[in-house]
C-alpha atoms as a PDB file:
ATOM      1  CA  UNK A   1     202.164 117.528 -12.879  1.00  0.00           C
ATOM      2  CA  UNK A   2     198.657 116.055 -13.051  1.00  0.00           C
ATOM      3  CA  UNK A   3     198.760 115.790 -16.852  1.00  0.00           C
ATOM      4  CA  UNK A   4     202.197 114.158 -16.786  1.00  0.00           C
ATOM      5  CA  UNK A   5     200.962 111.702 -14.167  1.00  0.00           C
ATOM      6  CA  UNK A   6     197.904 110.743 -16.217  1.00  0.00           C
ATOM      7  CA  UNK A   7     200.014 110.295 -19.348  1.00  0.00           C
ATOM      8  CA  UNK A   8     202.540 108.035 -17.657  1.00  0.00           C
ATOM      9  CA  UNK A   9     199.770 105.989 -16.029  1.00  0.00           C
ATOM     10  CA  UNK A  10     197.979 105.510 -19.356  1.00  0.00           C
ATOM     11  CA  UNK A  11     201.194 104.375 -21.032  1.00  0.00           C
ATOM     12  CA  UNK A  12     201.961 101.979 -18.174  1.00  0.00           C
ATOM     13  CA  UNK A  13     198.490 100.428 -18.229  1.00  0.00           C
ATOM     14  CA  UNK A  14     198.639 100.091 -22.014  1.00  0.00           C
ATOM     15  CA  UNK A  15     201.642  97.803 -21.511  1.00  0.00           C
ATOM     16  CA  UNK A  16     199.884  95.880 -18.746  1.00  0.00           C
ATOM     17  CA  UNK A  17     202.586  96.915 -16.287  1.00  0.00           C
ATOM     18  CA  UNK A  18     201.978  97.438 -12.561  1.00  0.00           C
ATOM     19  CA  UNK A  19     203.378 100.351 -10.579  1.00  0.00           C
ATOM     20  CA  UNK A  20     205.668  97.923  -8.763  1.00  0.00           C
ATOM     21  CA  UNK A  21     206.995  96.547 -12.048  1.00  0.00           C
ATOM     22  CA  UNK A  22     207.625 100.032 -13.418  1.00  0.00           C
ATOM     23  CA  UNK A  23     209.431 100.960 -10.211  1.00  0.00           C
ATOM     24  CA  UNK A  24     211.687  97.938 -10.652  1.00  0.00           C
ATOM     25  CA  UNK A  25     212.495  98.873 -14.248  1.00  0.00           C
ATOM     26  CA  UNK A  26     213.457 102.475 -13.478  1.00  0.00           C
ATOM     27  CA  UNK A  27     215.139 102.018 -10.088  1.00  0.00           C
ATOM     28  CA  UNK A  28     212.731 104.182  -8.095  1.00  0.00           C
ATOM     29  CA  UNK A  29     210.320 103.243  -5.324  1.00  0.00           C
ATOM     30  CA  UNK A  30     206.761 102.125  -5.989  1.00  0.00           C
ATOM     31  CA  UNK A  31     205.506 104.880  -3.681  1.00  0.00           C
ATOM     32  CA  UNK A  32     207.217 107.532  -5.823  1.00  0.00           C
ATOM     33  CA  UNK A  33     205.678 106.099  -8.997  1.00  0.00           C
ATOM     34  CA  UNK A  34     202.285 106.203  -7.315  1.00  0.00           C
ATOM     35  CA  UNK A  35     202.699 109.835  -6.167  1.00  0.00           C
ATOM     36  CA  UNK A  36     203.896 110.985  -9.596  1.00  0.00           C
ATOM     37  CA  UNK A  37     200.945 109.334 -11.322  1.00  0.00           C
ATOM     38  CA  UNK A  38     198.559 111.032  -8.894  1.00  0.00           C
ATOM     39  CA  UNK A  39     200.169 114.408  -9.562  1.00  0.00           C
ATOM     40  CA  UNK A  40     201.324 114.641  -5.945  1.00  0.00           C
ATOM     41  CA  UNK A  41     205.048 114.686  -6.673  1.00  0.00           C
ATOM     42  CA  UNK A  42     207.040 116.448  -9.394  1.00  0.00           C
ATOM     43  CA  UNK A  43     209.445 113.970 -11.078  1.00  0.00           C
ATOM     44  CA  UNK A  44     213.124 114.726 -11.512  1.00  0.00           C
ATOM     45  CA  UNK A  45     214.559 114.810 -15.080  1.00  0.00           C
ATOM     46  CA  UNK A  46     216.272 111.433 -14.574  1.00  0.00           C
ATOM     47  CA  UNK A  47     212.967 109.887 -13.528  1.00  0.00           C
ATOM     48  CA  UNK A  48     211.265 111.269 -16.645  1.00  0.00           C
ATOM     49  CA  UNK A  49     213.949 109.853 -18.943  1.00  0.00           C
ATOM     50  CA  UNK A  50     213.821 106.402 -17.343  1.00  0.00           C
ATOM     51  CA  UNK A  51     210.022 106.223 -17.408  1.00  0.00           C
ATOM     52  CA  UNK A  52     209.919 107.393 -21.023  1.00  0.00           C
ATOM     53  CA  UNK A  53     212.287 104.572 -21.977  1.00  0.00           C
ATOM     54  CA  UNK A  54     210.596 101.906 -19.826  1.00  0.00           C
ATOM     55  CA  UNK A  55     207.148 102.743 -21.197  1.00  0.00           C
ATOM     56  CA  UNK A  56     208.388 103.048 -24.808  1.00  0.00           C
ATOM     57  CA  UNK A  57     206.972 106.556 -24.970  1.00  0.00           C
ATOM     58  CA  UNK A  58     209.451 107.605 -27.690  1.00  0.00           C
ATOM     59  CA  UNK A  59     210.097 111.004 -26.134  1.00  0.00           C
ATOM     60  CA  UNK A  60     206.474 111.923 -25.410  1.00  0.00           C
ATOM     61  CA  UNK A  61     207.045 112.179 -21.660  1.00  0.00           C
ATOM     62  CA  UNK A  62     210.371 113.975 -22.096  1.00  0.00           C
ATOM     63  CA  UNK A  63     208.608 116.548 -24.278  1.00  0.00           C
ATOM     64  CA  UNK A  64     206.354 117.360 -21.315  1.00  0.00           C
ATOM     65  CA  UNK A  65     209.306 118.421 -19.150  1.00  0.00           C
ATOM     66  CA  UNK A  66     208.955 122.192 -19.868  1.00  0.00           C
ATOM     67  CA  UNK A  67     205.399 122.050 -18.530  1.00  0.00           C
ATOM     68  CA  UNK A  68     206.648 120.401 -15.344  1.00  0.00           C
ATOM     69  CA  UNK A  69     208.929 123.395 -14.828  1.00  0.00           C
ATOM     70  CA  UNK A  70     205.928 125.687 -15.109  1.00  0.00           C
ATOM     71  CA  UNK A  71     204.342 123.849 -12.185  1.00  0.00           C
ATOM     72  CA  UNK A  72     206.949 125.451  -9.950  1.00  0.00           C
ATOM     73  CA  UNK A  73     205.282 128.809 -10.458  1.00  0.00           C
ATOM     74  CA  UNK A  74     201.854 130.005  -9.359  1.00  0.00           C
ATOM     75  CA  UNK A  75     199.454 130.283 -12.325  1.00  0.00           C
ATOM     76  CA  UNK A  76     199.430 134.079 -12.220  1.00  0.00           C
ATOM     77  CA  UNK A  77     203.244 134.178 -12.592  1.00  0.00           C
ATOM     78  CA  UNK A  78     203.791 131.810 -15.533  1.00  0.00           C
ATOM     79  CA  UNK A  79     203.195 134.363 -18.297  1.00  0.00           C
ATOM     80  CA  UNK A  80     205.684 136.736 -16.698  1.00  0.00           C
ATOM     81  CA  UNK A  81     208.363 134.030 -16.399  1.00  0.00           C
ATOM     82  CA  UNK A  82     208.022 133.194 -20.087  1.00  0.00           C
ATOM     83  CA  UNK A  83     208.236 136.862 -21.078  1.00  0.00           C
ATOM     84  CA  UNK A  84     211.185 137.503 -18.773  1.00  0.00           C
ATOM     85  CA  UNK A  85     213.163 134.553 -20.145  1.00  0.00           C
ATOM     86  CA  UNK A  86     213.130 136.055 -23.642  1.00  0.00           C
ATOM     87  CA  UNK A  87     213.431 139.744 -22.781  1.00  0.00           C
ATOM     88  CA  UNK A  88     216.131 141.820 -24.469  1.00  0.00           C
ATOM     89  CA  UNK A  89     215.987 144.353 -21.641  1.00  0.00           C
ATOM     90  CA  UNK A  90     214.586 144.333 -18.123  1.00  0.00           C
ATOM     91  CA  UNK A  91     214.478 147.037 -15.466  1.00  0.00           C
ATOM     92  CA  UNK A  92     213.154 146.570 -11.940  1.00  0.00           C
ATOM     93  CA  UNK A  93     212.428 148.723  -8.934  1.00  0.00           C
ATOM     94  CA  UNK A  94     212.022 146.744  -5.691  1.00  0.00           C
ATOM     95  CA  UNK A  95     211.009 147.838  -2.223  1.00  0.00           C
ATOM     96  CA  UNK A  96     210.641 144.726  -0.052  1.00  0.00           C
ATOM     97  CA  UNK A  97     213.317 142.122  -0.797  1.00  0.00           C
ATOM     98  CA  UNK A  98     216.349 141.755  -3.044  1.00  0.00           C
ATOM     99  CA  UNK A  99     215.108 141.081  -6.613  1.00  0.00           C
ATOM    100  CA  UNK A 100     214.711 137.370  -7.292  1.00  0.00           C
ATOM    101  CA  UNK A 101     217.155 137.463 -10.212  1.00  0.00           C
ATOM    102  CA  UNK A 102     219.880 138.574  -7.791  1.00  0.00           C
ATOM    103  CA  UNK A 103     219.094 136.395  -4.771  1.00  0.00           C
ATOM    104  CA  UNK A 104     221.471 133.793  -3.363  1.00  0.00           C
ATOM    105  CA  UNK A 105     220.095 130.325  -2.699  1.00  0.00           C
ATOM    106  CA  UNK A 106     220.151 130.893   1.071  1.00  0.00           C
ATOM    107  CA  UNK A 107     218.430 134.272   0.823  1.00  0.00           C
ATOM    108  CA  UNK A 108     215.744 132.871  -1.485  1.00  0.00           C
ATOM    109  CA  UNK A 109     215.166 129.960   0.894  1.00  0.00           C
ATOM    110  CA  UNK A 110     214.727 132.383   3.796  1.00  0.00           C
ATOM    111  CA  UNK A 111     212.229 134.429   1.768  1.00  0.00           C
ATOM    112  CA  UNK A 112     210.120 131.402   0.857  1.00  0.00           C
ATOM    113  CA  UNK A 113     210.386 130.000   4.386  1.00  0.00           C
ATOM    114  CA  UNK A 114     208.712 133.189   5.612  1.00  0.00           C
ATOM    115  CA  UNK A 115     205.833 132.823   3.142  1.00  0.00           C
ATOM    116  CA  UNK A 116     202.321 133.175   4.524  1.00  0.00           C
ATOM    117  CA  UNK A 117     200.429 130.854   4.354  1.00  0.00           C
ATOM    118  CA  UNK A 118     203.381 128.617   5.190  1.00  0.00           C
ATOM    119  CA  UNK A 119     204.898 126.391   2.501  1.00  0.00           C
ATOM    120  CA  UNK A 120     206.023 122.847   3.293  1.00  0.00           C
ATOM    121  CA  UNK A 121     209.672 121.861   2.841  1.00  0.00           C
ATOM    122  CA  UNK A 122     209.146 120.468  -0.661  1.00  0.00           C
ATOM    123  CA  UNK A 123     207.319 123.604  -1.798  1.00  0.00           C
ATOM    124  CA  UNK A 124     210.078 125.803  -0.401  1.00  0.00           C
ATOM    125  CA  UNK A 125     212.808 123.852  -2.183  1.00  0.00           C
ATOM    126  CA  UNK A 126     210.846 123.767  -5.444  1.00  0.00           C
ATOM    127  CA  UNK A 127     210.326 127.535  -5.264  1.00  0.00           C
ATOM    128  CA  UNK A 128     214.007 128.139  -4.550  1.00  0.00           C
ATOM    129  CA  UNK A 129     215.055 125.975  -7.504  1.00  0.00           C
ATOM    130  CA  UNK A 130     212.631 127.782  -9.804  1.00  0.00           C
ATOM    131  CA  UNK A 131     213.972 131.157  -8.725  1.00  0.00           C
ATOM    132  CA  UNK A 132     217.585 130.120  -9.275  1.00  0.00           C
ATOM    133  CA  UNK A 133     216.735 128.755 -12.732  1.00  0.00           C
ATOM    134  CA  UNK A 134     215.409 132.164 -13.763  1.00  0.00           C
ATOM    135  CA  UNK A 135     218.808 133.700 -13.039  1.00  0.00           C
ATOM    136  CA  UNK A 136     220.258 132.250 -16.254  1.00  0.00           C
ATOM    137  CA  UNK A 137     218.801 135.385 -17.830  1.00  0.00           C
ATOM    138  CA  UNK A 138     221.754 137.391 -16.507  1.00  0.00           C
ATOM    139  CA  UNK A 139     224.325 135.260 -18.354  1.00  0.00           C
ATOM    140  CA  UNK A 140     222.233 134.373 -21.387  1.00  0.00           C
ATOM    141  CA  UNK A 141     223.627 134.939 -24.884  1.00  0.00           C
ATOM    142  CA  UNK A 142     222.890 137.334 -26.409  1.00  0.00           C
ATOM    143  CA  UNK A 143     223.085 139.181 -23.120  1.00  0.00           C
ATOM    144  CA  UNK A 144     220.044 141.244 -22.141  1.00  0.00           C
ATOM    145  CA  UNK A 145     220.406 144.721 -20.665  1.00  0.00           C
ATOM    146  CA  UNK A 146     219.311 144.501 -17.035  1.00  0.00           C
ATOM    147  CA  UNK A 147     218.982 147.215 -14.397  1.00  0.00           C
ATOM    148  CA  UNK A 148     217.796 147.279 -10.795  1.00  0.00           C
ATOM    149  CA  UNK A 149     216.965 149.962  -8.259  1.00  0.00           C
ATOM    150  CA  UNK A 150     216.593 148.664  -4.700  1.00  0.00           C
ATOM    151  CA  UNK A 151     215.597 150.497  -1.536  1.00  0.00           C
ATOM    152  CA  UNK A 152     218.434 150.779   1.004  1.00  0.00           C
ATOM    153  CA  UNK A 153     216.403 149.286   3.844  1.00  0.00           C
ATOM    154  CA  UNK A 154     216.082 146.077   1.792  1.00  0.00           C
ATOM    155  CA  UNK A 155     219.869 145.739   2.028  1.00  0.00           C
ATOM    156  CA  UNK A 156     219.770 146.240   5.780  1.00  0.00           C
ATOM    157  CA  UNK A 157     217.020 143.764   6.654  1.00  0.00           C
ATOM    158  CA  UNK A 158     218.772 140.542   7.820  1.00  0.00           C
ATOM    159  CA  UNK A 159     216.491 138.061   6.087  1.00  0.00           C
ATOM    160  CA  UNK A 160     217.824 134.631   7.008  1.00  0.00           C
ATOM    161  CA  UNK A 161     220.276 136.142   9.489  1.00  0.00           C
ATOM    162  CA  UNK A 162     223.334 138.356   9.244  1.00  0.00           C
ATOM    163  CA  UNK A 163     225.445 135.684   7.556  1.00  0.00           C
ATOM    164  CA  UNK A 164     222.887 135.174   4.802  1.00  0.00           C
ATOM    165  CA  UNK A 165     222.570 138.918   4.282  1.00  0.00           C
ATOM    166  CA  UNK A 166     226.335 139.362   4.077  1.00  0.00           C
ATOM    167  CA  UNK A 167     226.596 136.683   1.391  1.00  0.00           C
ATOM    168  CA  UNK A 168     223.716 138.328  -0.433  1.00  0.00           C
ATOM    169  CA  UNK A 169     225.454 141.699  -0.429  1.00  0.00           C
ATOM    170  CA  UNK A 170     228.603 140.099  -1.826  1.00  0.00           C
ATOM    171  CA  UNK A 171     226.465 138.506  -4.546  1.00  0.00           C
ATOM    172  CA  UNK A 172     225.177 141.958  -5.498  1.00  0.00           C
ATOM    173  CA  UNK A 173     228.726 143.254  -5.825  1.00  0.00           C
ATOM    174  CA  UNK A 174     229.615 140.357  -8.136  1.00  0.00           C
ATOM    175  CA  UNK A 175     226.565 141.055 -10.285  1.00  0.00           C
ATOM    176  CA  UNK A 176     227.518 144.726 -10.482  1.00  0.00           C
ATOM    177  CA  UNK A 177     230.768 143.672 -12.164  1.00  0.00           C
ATOM    178  CA  UNK A 178     228.804 142.196 -15.079  1.00  0.00           C
ATOM    179  CA  UNK A 179     228.805 144.429 -18.161  1.00  0.00           C
ATOM    180  CA  UNK A 180     225.096 144.026 -18.826  1.00  0.00           C
ATOM    181  CA  UNK A 181     223.892 144.581 -15.238  1.00  0.00           C
ATOM    182  CA  UNK A 182     223.479 147.805 -13.274  1.00  0.00           C
ATOM    183  CA  UNK A 183     222.357 148.030  -9.648  1.00  0.00           C
ATOM    184  CA  UNK A 184     221.479 151.252  -7.860  1.00  0.00           C
ATOM    185  CA  UNK A 185     220.392 151.894  -4.291  1.00  0.00           C
ATOM    186  CA  UNK A 186     217.672 154.338  -3.300  1.00  0.00           C
ATOM    187  CA  UNK A 187     219.071 155.879  -0.089  1.00  0.00           C
ATOM    188  CA  UNK A 188     216.963 156.009   3.054  1.00  0.00           C
ATOM    189  CA  UNK A 189     217.886 159.668   3.391  1.00  0.00           C
ATOM    190  CA  UNK A 190     215.931 160.541   0.259  1.00  0.00           C
ATOM    191  CA  UNK A 191     212.911 162.398   1.633  1.00  0.00           C
ATOM    192  CA  UNK A 192     210.708 161.820  -1.425  1.00  0.00           C
ATOM    193  CA  UNK A 193     211.084 160.044  -4.747  1.00  0.00           C
ATOM    194  CA  UNK A 194     209.076 158.802  -7.725  1.00  0.00           C
ATOM    195  CA  UNK A 195     208.765 155.218  -6.482  1.00  0.00           C
ATOM    196  CA  UNK A 196     206.094 155.718  -3.848  1.00  0.00           C
ATOM    197  CA  UNK A 197     203.534 153.861  -5.984  1.00  0.00           C
ATOM    198  CA  UNK A 198     205.460 150.637  -5.404  1.00  0.00           C
ATOM    199  CA  UNK A 199     207.571 148.032  -7.227  1.00  0.00           C
ATOM    200  CA  UNK A 200     207.534 147.726 -11.001  1.00  0.00           C
ATOM    201  CA  UNK A 201     209.207 145.914 -13.857  1.00  0.00           C
ATOM    202  CA  UNK A 202     209.789 147.128 -17.404  1.00  0.00           C
ATOM    203  CA  UNK A 203     210.537 144.642 -20.187  1.00  0.00           C
ATOM    204  CA  UNK A 204     211.296 144.759 -23.895  1.00  0.00           C
ATOM    205  CA  UNK A 205     210.575 141.702 -26.027  1.00  0.00           C
ATOM    206  CA  UNK A 206     212.640 140.509 -29.028  1.00  0.00           C
ATOM    207  CA  UNK A 207     209.943 142.101 -31.208  1.00  0.00           C
ATOM    208  CA  UNK A 208     210.725 145.496 -29.614  1.00  0.00           C
ATOM    209  CA  UNK A 209     207.437 145.481 -27.725  1.00  0.00           C
ATOM    210  CA  UNK A 210     207.656 147.395 -24.436  1.00  0.00           C
ATOM    211  CA  UNK A 211     205.703 146.095 -21.441  1.00  0.00           C
ATOM    212  CA  UNK A 212     205.202 146.959 -17.807  1.00  0.00           C
ATOM    213  CA  UNK A 213     204.525 144.501 -15.002  1.00  0.00           C
ATOM    214  CA  UNK A 214     203.346 145.054 -11.440  1.00  0.00           C
ATOM    215  CA  UNK A 215     202.476 142.514  -8.758  1.00  0.00           C
ATOM    216  CA  UNK A 216     201.533 142.271  -5.127  1.00  0.00           C
ATOM    217  CA  UNK A 217     199.614 140.038  -2.699  1.00  0.00           C
ATOM    218  CA  UNK A 218     199.494 137.107  -5.116  1.00  0.00           C
ATOM    219  CA  UNK A 219     198.093 139.054  -8.058  1.00  0.00           C
ATOM    220  CA  UNK A 220     199.840 140.519 -11.073  1.00  0.00           C
ATOM    221  CA  UNK A 221     199.118 142.789 -14.006  1.00  0.00           C
ATOM    222  CA  UNK A 222     200.823 143.228 -17.357  1.00  0.00           C
ATOM    223  CA  UNK A 223     200.728 146.820 -18.539  1.00  0.00           C
ATOM    224  CA  UNK A 224     200.445 146.763 -22.329  1.00  0.00           C
ATOM    225  CA  UNK A 225     198.818 150.071 -23.276  1.00  0.00           C
ATOM    226  CA  UNK A 226     201.526 152.308 -24.745  1.00  0.00           C
ATOM    227  CA  UNK A 227     200.480 155.407 -22.816  1.00  0.00           C
ATOM    228  CA  UNK A 228     200.518 153.506 -19.514  1.00  0.00           C
ATOM    229  CA  UNK A 229     203.880 151.877 -20.267  1.00  0.00           C
ATOM    230  CA  UNK A 230     205.223 155.339 -21.061  1.00  0.00           C
ATOM    231  CA  UNK A 231     204.172 156.562 -17.610  1.00  0.00           C
ATOM    232  CA  UNK A 232     206.035 153.682 -15.951  1.00  0.00           C
ATOM    233  CA  UNK A 233     209.125 154.326 -18.084  1.00  0.00           C
ATOM    234  CA  UNK A 234     209.183 158.007 -17.169  1.00  0.00           C
ATOM    235  CA  UNK A 235     208.669 157.153 -13.523  1.00  0.00           C
ATOM    236  CA  UNK A 236     211.500 154.621 -13.588  1.00  0.00           C
ATOM    237  CA  UNK A 237     213.769 157.126 -15.306  1.00  0.00           C
ATOM    238  CA  UNK A 238     213.214 159.625 -12.505  1.00  0.00           C
ATOM    239  CA  UNK A 239     213.753 156.909  -9.879  1.00  0.00           C
ATOM    240  CA  UNK A 240     217.162 156.161 -11.407  1.00  0.00           C
ATOM    241  CA  UNK A 241     218.188 159.809 -11.257  1.00  0.00           C
ATOM    242  CA  UNK A 242     217.117 160.023  -7.605  1.00  0.00           C
ATOM    243  CA  UNK A 243     218.965 156.840  -6.597  1.00  0.00           C
ATOM    244  CA  UNK A 244     222.684 156.662  -5.872  1.00  0.00           C
ATOM    245  CA  UNK A 245     225.002 156.229  -8.844  1.00  0.00           C
ATOM    246  CA  UNK A 246     226.269 152.721  -9.497  1.00  0.00           C
ATOM    247  CA  UNK A 247     229.652 153.686  -8.039  1.00  0.00           C
ATOM    248  CA  UNK A 248     228.154 155.144  -4.854  1.00  0.00           C
ATOM    249  CA  UNK A 249     225.777 152.199  -4.620  1.00  0.00           C
ATOM    250  CA  UNK A 250     228.705 149.767  -4.740  1.00  0.00           C
ATOM    251  CA  UNK A 251     230.486 151.685  -1.995  1.00  0.00           C
ATOM    252  CA  UNK A 252     227.372 151.625   0.191  1.00  0.00           C
ATOM    253  CA  UNK A 253     226.895 147.881  -0.325  1.00  0.00           C
ATOM    254  CA  UNK A 254     230.542 147.252   0.545  1.00  0.00           C
ATOM    255  CA  UNK A 255     230.097 149.325   3.702  1.00  0.00           C
ATOM    256  CA  UNK A 256     226.938 147.457   4.718  1.00  0.00           C
ATOM    257  CA  UNK A 257     228.639 144.094   4.160  1.00  0.00           C
ATOM    258  CA  UNK A 258     231.588 145.246   6.253  1.00  0.00           C
ATOM    259  CA  UNK A 259     229.269 146.023   9.162  1.00  0.00           C
ATOM    260  CA  UNK A 260     228.021 142.425   9.320  1.00  0.00           C
END
């Protein structure tokens, strides 16, 4: 955002235009122009297009839009988002919340609203939008192969309230109907399983490179060494065999939704 703001300010000053004059040209308030130029506010796509035209930037500001999207993510997460967006396969094991790629808007908002330290309203909404944008992966063409294993207690925790959870469970059932998506539940009755080391993600790039990814407490690590990726793959394979089948998982999710 800061770089975009500096660019737009430099272009405006080159034309000898004031912030008030630019605001009048593009139909936005002077205060918004000021906040965008200071890097305090992320501009909407329509704002970017109007400013680019008003400042005769010839597409320079529009070309910066992808970098504005990156601002929605913490620095440690950007590399993962870029890798995920192009993955040909992705497998996740989650233990705390429903995987972000499967979350409803209301569920995601409840998750970010519970963030500690607390996020302000704008940060919450920006985070929700960023999470929903990532979900295009599920319907992308060519379709990636995507699989999830989720702990049962995640599907019982009423994040956002019972109504939000019920809608979230219905969303999972809809995703399970997609040909390229599988969802399995690790039952609470399972006394021991291979996932005790925590959440993990396995990805395959278009170049057939296999990667692992783990995160927690605001830090993340890409696992790139073949022997270490192999360990994660074997572990995930065992987790899948210990979880409920997709059919039994669907029945459990339907039952849980019916209880709400």
